[in-house]
Amino acid sequence: MTPLRTLAQICREAASALGRELTAWKTSPARATFGTEAMLSVALSVVLANALHLTNTWWAAISGFAVMQTSFPDSVKRALHRILGTVLGAWLGTMAGPWIGDRPWLFVPVLGLIGGIAIYRANGSRFSYTWILGAATALMVTYEAHELASLKSTAAFAILRVAEVVVGTLACVMVSGAFHVGQLWYRRRAPAAAPASADAPGETFSPAAVALAPAPPAPQSSRPARMLLGMQGGLAIAVLAALTYVLHLPGFAQAMVTTVAVLILPAAMLVSRARRPIFERMVHRFAGCLLAGVIGVALLPLMQGQVVLCVPALALGVWAGCHVQTGQQGATYIGRQFTIAFIMVFVQDHHWSANPVPALMRLSGILTGILVLAAVMVATSKPLPVLSQGGTGH
């Protein structure tokens, strides 16, 4: 099957999966609890970021959502991985960025090398999420260094980036911990009652739909696939860096994160170098972001930057995205990307605003990352057997 026919088929399947999920809209205690936890975590992240006058409130809010898992121990583990990866990536970017920022012949390949190595190491690693966040942060800080042009300014940017992640991550841990304590208290007071996390009859709630469990070590046979993905990701990031260096394209950070995120696969899929799982993640990421962008940009003028209107709209969008993410109809990754993009639209910088331009710039970066990576993959791959999608979201 040609890449275009495969892509068309994946698009039809994604639309069908989302349609089935929306048609079969059915909640359960577990799904409702997860959505509520994520919603409160995002809200608390925004409140704390605004109280601390952080610049990129939206990044703190995304951290508050991305860390949330279906259990408190898993949320804590993911929080540690996110903070560790961010700190290491910020340090690397601060050390490397100011020295290579004004040398494009060195700057572009170094960014590609950072991304490629991280993708290779993240696939099949127990510390996959640490590698992902480390790469994303290192690439962001290194890129900003070429514009800031000083070690002091770059370090200040890196510290701010770490602070935003820490605030959102701690907000998530606090909310998840509060729910965990509440559930333990309820079970002790009402031992005969059904567990608070029990699903509705006839429905199976899969924690794997939202959790990023530590991946088992990748088998030796997966090394060629990991090397191929690392090479393709590194080349795509280098192309994006070159284009942005010359043309000053908006949304470079989102383009890089997209490139890294969609190339991380479970160990079981790394044995075969199939492109279909990655194309599925591209389509699902694009579909979720496009849907959130259309709905969000349409709502922004109605909100008029009023906190009493923006906060409920944000909460509703996060809850709806989480509901789709925890469904059983094959639209899990669409729901996750919808939630992330919806946060990008409503939680802009350090204030509520009806201006859609910042959100559109970030969404355009996601689209650019998908297009460049798709072009690189088509140019560097041969037709190979296909596999169905399965993986963890970022």
Protein backbone atom coordinates (compact mmCIF):
# COMPACT_ATOMS: atom_id res chain seq x y z
CA MET A 1 0.00 0.00 0.00
CA THR A 2 1.35 3.44 -0.93
CA PRO A 3 1.96 6.05 1.80
CA LEU A 4 -0.91 8.21 0.51
CA ARG A 5 -3.39 5.32 0.56
CA THR A 6 -2.19 4.31 4.02
CA LEU A 7 -2.60 7.88 5.24
CA ALA A 8 -6.10 8.11 3.77
CA GLN A 9 -7.08 4.86 5.45
CA ILE A 10 -5.71 6.03 8.79
CA CYS A 11 -7.66 9.29 8.50
CA ARG A 12 -10.89 7.39 7.86
CA GLU A 13 -10.23 5.08 10.79
CA ALA A 14 -9.44 8.03 13.10
CA ALA A 15 -12.66 9.82 12.11
CA SER A 16 -14.64 6.62 12.64
CA ALA A 17 -13.07 5.99 16.05
CA LEU A 18 -13.80 9.53 17.22
CA GLY A 19 -17.35 9.28 15.91
CA ARG A 20 -17.93 6.02 17.78
CA GLU A 21 -16.53 7.51 20.98
CA LEU A 22 -18.75 10.59 20.77
CA THR A 23 -21.81 8.53 19.84
CA ALA A 24 -21.25 6.08 22.69
CA TRP A 25 -20.67 8.85 25.23
CA LYS A 26 -20.81 6.99 28.51
CA THR A 27 -19.14 7.89 31.76
CA SER A 28 -18.13 5.75 34.73
CA PRO A 29 -16.77 6.49 38.21
CA ALA A 30 -13.20 5.80 37.08
CA ARG A 31 -13.40 7.96 33.96
CA ALA A 32 -15.17 10.76 35.80
CA THR A 33 -12.61 10.67 38.61
CA PHE A 34 -9.67 10.88 36.23
CA GLY A 35 -11.26 13.76 34.31
CA THR A 36 -12.01 15.64 37.52
CA GLU A 37 -8.48 15.14 38.84
CA ALA A 38 -6.98 16.41 35.58
CA MET A 39 -9.36 19.36 35.51
CA LEU A 40 -8.50 20.41 39.08
CA SER A 41 -4.78 19.86 38.46
CA VAL A 42 -4.82 22.20 35.46
CA ALA A 43 -6.79 24.82 37.38
CA LEU A 44 -4.41 24.67 40.35
CA SER A 45 -1.42 24.90 37.99
CA VAL A 46 -2.82 28.10 36.48
CA VAL A 47 -3.54 29.62 39.88
CA LEU A 48 -0.03 28.88 41.18
CA ALA A 49 1.67 30.04 37.98
CA ASN A 50 -0.25 33.31 38.03
CA ALA A 51 0.50 33.81 41.72
CA LEU A 52 4.22 33.35 41.02
CA HIS A 53 4.03 35.59 37.91
CA LEU A 54 5.48 32.92 35.64
CA THR A 55 5.72 33.87 31.98
CA ASN A 56 4.40 30.76 30.26
CA THR A 57 1.40 29.80 32.37
CA TRP A 58 0.19 27.46 29.66
CA TRP A 59 3.28 25.27 30.02
CA ALA A 60 2.64 24.86 33.74
CA ALA A 61 -0.97 23.92 32.93
CA ILE A 62 0.15 21.31 30.38
CA SER A 63 2.51 19.84 32.96
CA GLY A 64 -0.39 19.64 35.41
CA PHE A 65 -2.33 17.60 32.89
CA ALA A 66 0.46 15.49 31.38
CA VAL A 67 1.68 14.14 34.72
CA MET A 68 -1.76 12.97 35.91
CA GLN A 69 -2.18 9.19 35.95
CA THR A 70 -4.88 6.81 37.13
CA SER A 71 -3.13 6.14 40.45
CA PHE A 72 -1.20 8.30 42.90
CA PRO A 73 2.02 6.21 42.80
CA ASP A 74 2.06 6.37 38.99
CA SER A 75 1.52 10.14 39.10
CA VAL A 76 4.42 10.56 41.53
CA LYS A 77 6.68 8.39 39.36
CA ARG A 78 5.78 10.35 36.23
CA ALA A 79 6.29 13.62 38.11
CA LEU A 80 9.81 12.62 39.11
CA HIS A 81 10.62 11.64 35.52
CA ARG A 82 9.27 14.93 34.18
CA ILE A 83 11.19 17.08 36.65
CA LEU A 84 14.41 15.07 36.25
CA GLY A 85 14.25 15.23 32.45
CA THR A 86 13.47 18.94 32.49
CA VAL A 87 16.32 19.80 34.86
CA LEU A 88 18.87 17.77 32.88
CA GLY A 89 17.65 19.16 29.57
CA ALA A 90 17.76 22.73 30.88
CA TRP A 91 21.32 22.22 32.10
CA LEU A 92 22.44 20.78 28.75
CA GLY A 93 20.77 23.57 26.78
CA THR A 94 22.29 26.25 29.00
CA MET A 95 25.78 24.78 28.63
CA ALA A 96 25.61 24.20 24.88
CA GLY A 97 23.31 26.91 23.55
CA PRO A 98 25.33 30.10 24.10
CA TRP A 99 28.45 28.56 22.50
CA ILE A 100 26.83 27.34 19.28
CA GLY A 101 23.88 29.71 18.88
CA ASP A 102 25.67 32.03 16.43
CA ARG A 103 27.18 29.18 14.40
CA PRO A 104 24.37 27.70 12.27
CA TRP A 105 26.72 25.14 10.72
CA LEU A 106 27.17 23.73 14.23
CA PHE A 107 23.86 24.77 15.78
CA VAL A 108 21.62 22.84 13.35
CA PRO A 109 23.40 19.46 13.48
CA VAL A 110 23.77 19.63 17.28
CA LEU A 111 20.01 20.06 17.69
CA GLY A 112 19.46 17.12 15.36
CA LEU A 113 21.99 15.04 17.30
CA ILE A 114 20.32 15.81 20.65
CA GLY A 115 16.92 14.83 19.31
CA GLY A 116 18.13 11.73 17.52
CA ILE A 117 20.02 10.34 20.53
CA ALA A 118 17.07 11.02 22.85
CA ILE A 119 14.60 9.26 20.53
CA TYR A 120 16.92 6.27 20.20
CA ARG A 121 17.38 6.03 23.97
CA ALA A 122 13.73 6.69 24.85
CA ASN A 123 12.39 3.85 22.73
CA GLY A 124 12.30 0.74 24.88
CA SER A 125 13.78 2.48 27.94
CA ARG A 126 12.40 2.36 31.48
CA PHE A 127 13.15 6.09 31.60
CA SER A 128 11.42 6.92 28.34
CA TYR A 129 9.57 9.92 29.76
CA THR A 130 12.77 11.34 31.23
CA TRP A 131 14.47 11.15 27.85
CA ILE A 132 11.49 12.79 26.14
CA LEU A 133 11.35 15.74 28.54
CA GLY A 134 15.12 16.06 28.60
CA ALA A 135 15.27 16.28 24.82
CA ALA A 136 12.36 18.70 24.54
CA THR A 137 13.81 21.03 27.17
CA ALA A 138 17.36 20.87 25.83
CA LEU A 139 16.15 21.69 22.32
CA MET A 140 14.01 24.60 23.54
CA VAL A 141 16.76 26.13 25.67
CA THR A 142 19.43 25.61 23.02
CA TYR A 143 17.27 27.24 20.39
CA GLU A 144 16.40 30.20 22.63
CA ALA A 145 20.12 30.65 23.36
CA HIS A 146 20.82 31.61 19.75
CA GLU A 147 18.38 34.52 20.13
CA LEU A 148 19.25 35.49 23.71
CA ALA A 149 22.97 35.50 22.86
CA SER A 150 24.26 35.34 26.44
CA LEU A 151 24.82 32.71 29.08
CA LYS A 152 23.04 34.76 31.76
CA SER A 153 19.89 35.26 29.70
CA THR A 154 19.86 31.61 28.62
CA ALA A 155 20.22 30.43 32.21
CA ALA A 156 17.35 32.69 33.27
CA PHE A 157 15.15 31.24 30.51
CA ALA A 158 16.10 27.69 31.52
CA ILE A 159 15.33 28.34 35.20
CA LEU A 160 11.94 29.79 34.26
CA ARG A 161 11.24 26.74 32.11
CA VAL A 162 12.06 24.43 35.03
CA ALA A 163 9.92 26.51 37.39
CA GLU A 164 6.89 26.24 35.09
CA VAL A 165 7.23 22.47 34.89
CA VAL A 166 7.79 22.08 38.63
CA VAL A 167 4.73 24.21 39.47
CA GLY A 168 2.43 22.22 37.17
CA THR A 169 3.90 18.91 38.27
CA LEU A 170 3.55 19.66 41.99
CA ALA A 171 -0.02 20.83 41.43
CA CYS A 172 -0.78 17.46 39.84
CA VAL A 173 0.83 15.54 42.71
CA MET A 174 -1.15 17.54 45.27
CA VAL A 175 -4.47 16.91 43.52
CA SER A 176 -3.73 13.24 42.89
CA GLY A 177 -2.58 12.84 46.50
CA ALA A 178 -5.73 14.49 47.85
CA PHE A 179 -7.93 12.14 45.82
CA HIS A 180 -5.84 9.18 46.92
CA VAL A 181 -6.25 10.06 50.60
CA GLY A 182 -9.96 10.68 50.07
CA GLN A 183 -10.46 7.29 48.42
CA LEU A 184 -8.59 5.52 51.23
CA TRP A 185 -10.74 7.28 53.81
CA TYR A 186 -13.93 6.38 51.95
CA ARG A 187 -12.99 2.72 51.68
CA ARG A 188 -12.28 2.53 55.40
CA ARG A 189 -15.57 4.19 56.26
CA ALA A 190 -17.63 2.17 53.78
CA PRO A 191 -15.81 -1.15 53.25
CA ALA A 192 -18.93 -2.87 51.94
CA ALA A 193 -19.49 -0.29 49.21
CA ALA A 194 -18.16 -0.66 45.71
CA PRO A 195 -14.69 0.87 45.22
CA ALA A 196 -14.79 4.46 44.07
CA SER A 197 -12.76 3.56 40.99
CA ALA A 198 -14.99 0.73 39.87
CA ASP A 199 -16.29 1.00 36.35
CA ALA A 200 -19.83 0.90 35.24
CA PRO A 201 -21.21 -2.56 34.44
CA GLY A 202 -20.22 -3.76 31.01
CA GLU A 203 -17.37 -1.29 30.64
CA THR A 204 -13.68 -1.98 31.05
CA PHE A 205 -11.48 0.93 32.04
CA SER A 206 -7.91 0.47 30.90
CA PRO A 207 -5.28 2.41 32.87
CA ALA A 208 -2.96 1.84 29.93
CA ALA A 209 -5.06 4.31 28.01
CA VAL A 210 -3.70 7.14 30.13
CA ALA A 211 -0.69 5.82 32.02
CA LEU A 212 2.84 5.84 30.75
CA ALA A 213 4.07 2.72 32.48
CA PRO A 214 7.82 2.12 32.49
CA ALA A 215 8.64 0.27 29.32
CA PRO A 216 10.46 -3.05 29.53
CA PRO A 217 13.99 -3.04 28.14
CA ALA A 218 13.92 -3.16 24.36
CA PRO A 219 15.11 -6.49 22.92
CA GLN A 220 18.33 -6.54 20.92
CA SER A 221 16.30 -7.22 17.77
CA SER A 222 14.70 -3.77 18.11
CA ARG A 223 17.99 -1.91 17.72
CA PRO A 224 17.69 -1.37 13.93
CA ALA A 225 14.20 0.11 14.35
CA ARG A 226 15.37 2.34 17.23
CA MET A 227 18.32 3.55 15.16
CA LEU A 228 16.05 4.27 12.20
CA LEU A 229 13.61 6.25 14.35
CA GLY A 230 16.47 8.15 15.97
CA MET A 231 17.94 8.99 12.57
CA GLN A 232 14.58 10.12 11.17
CA GLY A 233 13.78 12.19 14.24
CA GLY A 234 17.22 13.79 14.31
CA LEU A 235 17.03 14.66 10.61
CA ALA A 236 13.53 16.12 10.99
CA ILE A 237 14.63 18.26 13.95
CA ALA A 238 17.69 19.46 12.02
CA VAL A 239 15.46 20.45 9.09
CA LEU A 240 13.09 22.28 11.44
CA ALA A 241 16.01 24.04 13.13
CA ALA A 242 17.42 25.15 9.78
CA LEU A 243 14.07 26.42 8.54
CA THR A 244 13.39 28.26 11.78
CA TYR A 245 16.91 29.72 11.90
CA VAL A 246 16.51 31.18 8.43
CA LEU A 247 12.77 31.88 8.16
CA HIS A 248 11.94 32.45 11.86
CA LEU A 249 9.01 30.03 11.73
CA PRO A 250 6.60 30.29 14.68
CA GLY A 251 5.89 27.43 17.03
CA PHE A 252 9.33 25.81 16.82
CA ALA A 253 9.02 24.36 20.34
CA GLN A 254 5.76 22.60 19.48
CA ALA A 255 7.24 21.30 16.22
CA MET A 256 10.15 19.71 18.11
CA VAL A 257 7.94 18.20 20.81
CA THR A 258 5.70 16.74 18.10
CA THR A 259 8.67 15.17 16.34
CA VAL A 260 9.93 13.54 19.52
CA ALA A 261 6.55 12.45 20.88
CA VAL A 262 5.19 10.61 17.86
CA LEU A 263 8.39 8.59 17.40
CA ILE A 264 8.27 6.91 20.82
CA LEU A 265 6.75 3.43 20.53
CA PRO A 266 6.28 0.43 22.85
CA ALA A 267 9.00 -2.21 22.77
CA ALA A 268 6.69 -4.71 21.07
CA MET A 269 6.41 -2.47 18.02
CA LEU A 270 10.12 -1.82 17.70
CA VAL A 271 10.87 -5.29 16.37
CA SER A 272 9.30 -4.33 13.06
CA ARG A 273 10.18 -1.04 11.40
CA ALA A 274 6.59 -0.39 10.37
CA ARG A 275 5.55 3.18 9.67
CA ARG A 276 1.83 2.80 10.26
CA PRO A 277 1.89 3.25 14.09
CA ILE A 278 3.78 6.51 13.66
CA PHE A 279 1.49 7.73 10.89
CA GLU A 280 -1.47 6.91 13.16
CA ARG A 281 0.02 8.99 15.96
CA MET A 282 0.61 11.85 13.52
CA VAL A 283 -2.97 11.76 12.29
CA HIS A 284 -4.41 11.44 15.80
CA ARG A 285 -2.22 14.28 17.09
CA PHE A 286 -3.23 16.51 14.19
CA ALA A 287 -6.93 15.62 14.53
CA GLY A 288 -7.00 16.32 18.26
CA CYS A 289 -5.12 19.61 17.90
CA LEU A 290 -7.22 20.74 14.93
CA LEU A 291 -10.47 20.00 16.74
CA ALA A 292 -9.29 21.82 19.87
CA GLY A 293 -8.04 24.74 17.78
CA VAL A 294 -11.33 25.17 15.93
CA ILE A 295 -13.45 24.95 19.09
CA GLY A 296 -11.08 27.02 21.19
CA VAL A 297 -10.56 29.83 18.70
CA ALA A 298 -14.33 30.01 18.17
CA LEU A 299 -14.90 30.33 21.92
CA LEU A 300 -12.16 32.85 22.71
CA PRO A 301 -14.03 35.95 21.41
CA LEU A 302 -17.07 34.91 23.45
CA MET A 303 -14.96 34.63 26.61
CA GLN A 304 -13.58 38.18 26.17
CA GLY A 305 -10.66 37.35 28.45
CA GLN A 306 -12.95 37.20 31.48
CA VAL A 307 -11.72 34.77 34.11
CA VAL A 308 -15.27 33.83 35.17
CA LEU A 309 -15.91 32.61 31.62
CA CYS A 310 -12.49 31.26 30.65
CA VAL A 311 -12.03 29.00 33.67
CA PRO A 312 -15.30 27.03 33.24
CA ALA A 313 -14.67 26.71 29.50
CA LEU A 314 -11.14 25.42 30.15
CA ALA A 315 -12.40 22.97 32.77
CA LEU A 316 -15.10 21.63 30.45
CA GLY A 317 -12.61 21.19 27.60
CA VAL A 318 -10.13 19.33 29.81
CA TRP A 319 -12.84 17.06 31.20
CA ALA A 320 -14.22 16.26 27.74
CA GLY A 321 -10.75 15.51 26.36
CA CYS A 322 -9.99 13.19 29.28
CA HIS A 323 -13.29 11.40 28.72
CA VAL A 324 -12.37 10.64 25.11
CA GLN A 325 -8.84 9.70 26.16
CA THR A 326 -10.11 7.03 28.55
CA GLY A 327 -12.58 5.56 26.04
CA GLN A 328 -12.49 2.17 24.35
CA GLN A 329 -13.22 3.13 20.74
CA GLY A 330 -9.67 3.78 19.50
CA ALA A 331 -9.63 7.57 19.92
CA THR A 332 -7.44 7.64 23.05
CA TYR A 333 -4.56 9.62 21.54
CA ILE A 334 -6.97 12.04 19.84
CA GLY A 335 -8.50 12.82 23.22
CA ARG A 336 -5.11 13.40 24.83
CA GLN A 337 -3.95 15.73 22.07
CA PHE A 338 -7.27 17.57 22.14
CA THR A 339 -6.77 18.29 25.84
CA ILE A 340 -3.21 19.52 25.40
CA ALA A 341 -4.16 21.77 22.46
CA PHE A 342 -7.22 23.09 24.30
CA ILE A 343 -4.98 24.11 27.20
CA MET A 344 -2.66 25.84 24.70
CA VAL A 345 -5.59 27.86 23.35
CA PHE A 346 -7.13 28.99 26.62
CA VAL A 347 -4.09 29.28 28.88
CA GLN A 348 -1.87 31.57 26.90
CA ASP A 349 0.99 33.40 28.58
CA HIS A 350 0.58 35.10 31.94
CA HIS A 351 -2.97 36.39 31.59
CA TRP A 352 -6.36 35.49 30.16
CA SER A 353 -6.84 36.83 26.65
CA ALA A 354 -9.26 36.64 23.73
CA ASN A 355 -6.38 36.93 21.26
CA PRO A 356 -6.14 33.69 19.22
CA VAL A 357 -2.79 34.50 17.57
CA PRO A 358 -0.49 32.88 20.19
CA ALA A 359 -2.58 29.72 20.14
CA LEU A 360 -2.61 29.60 16.34
CA MET A 361 1.17 30.00 16.27
CA ARG A 362 1.61 27.02 18.60
CA LEU A 363 -0.84 24.91 16.61
CA SER A 364 0.95 25.83 13.38
CA GLY A 365 4.16 24.55 14.97
CA ILE A 366 2.52 21.17 15.60
CA LEU A 367 1.37 20.99 11.97
CA THR A 368 4.84 21.98 10.72
CA GLY A 369 6.46 19.28 12.84
CA ILE A 370 4.07 16.63 11.48
CA LEU A 371 4.62 17.64 7.85
CA VAL A 372 8.41 17.76 8.10
CA LEU A 373 8.62 14.44 9.93
CA ALA A 374 6.25 12.79 7.45
CA ALA A 375 8.38 14.03 4.54
CA VAL A 376 11.57 12.75 6.20
CA MET A 377 10.02 9.35 6.90
CA VAL A 378 8.77 8.92 3.35
CA ALA A 379 12.17 9.91 1.98
CA THR A 380 14.16 7.58 4.25
CA SER A 381 11.92 4.50 4.53
CA LYS A 382 11.03 1.57 2.34
CA PRO A 383 7.56 0.01 2.26
CA LEU A 384 7.38 -2.33 5.24
CA PRO A 385 4.73 -4.45 6.98
CA VAL A 386 2.12 -2.54 8.95
CA LEU A 387 1.05 -2.84 12.56
CA SER A 388 -1.92 -1.46 14.42
CA GLN A 389 -1.44 1.48 16.73
CA GLY A 390 -0.58 1.07 20.36
CA GLY A 391 1.50 3.28 22.51
CA THR A 392 1.62 5.90 25.12
CA GLY A 393 0.78 9.52 24.72
CA HIS A 394 2.86 12.54 25.50
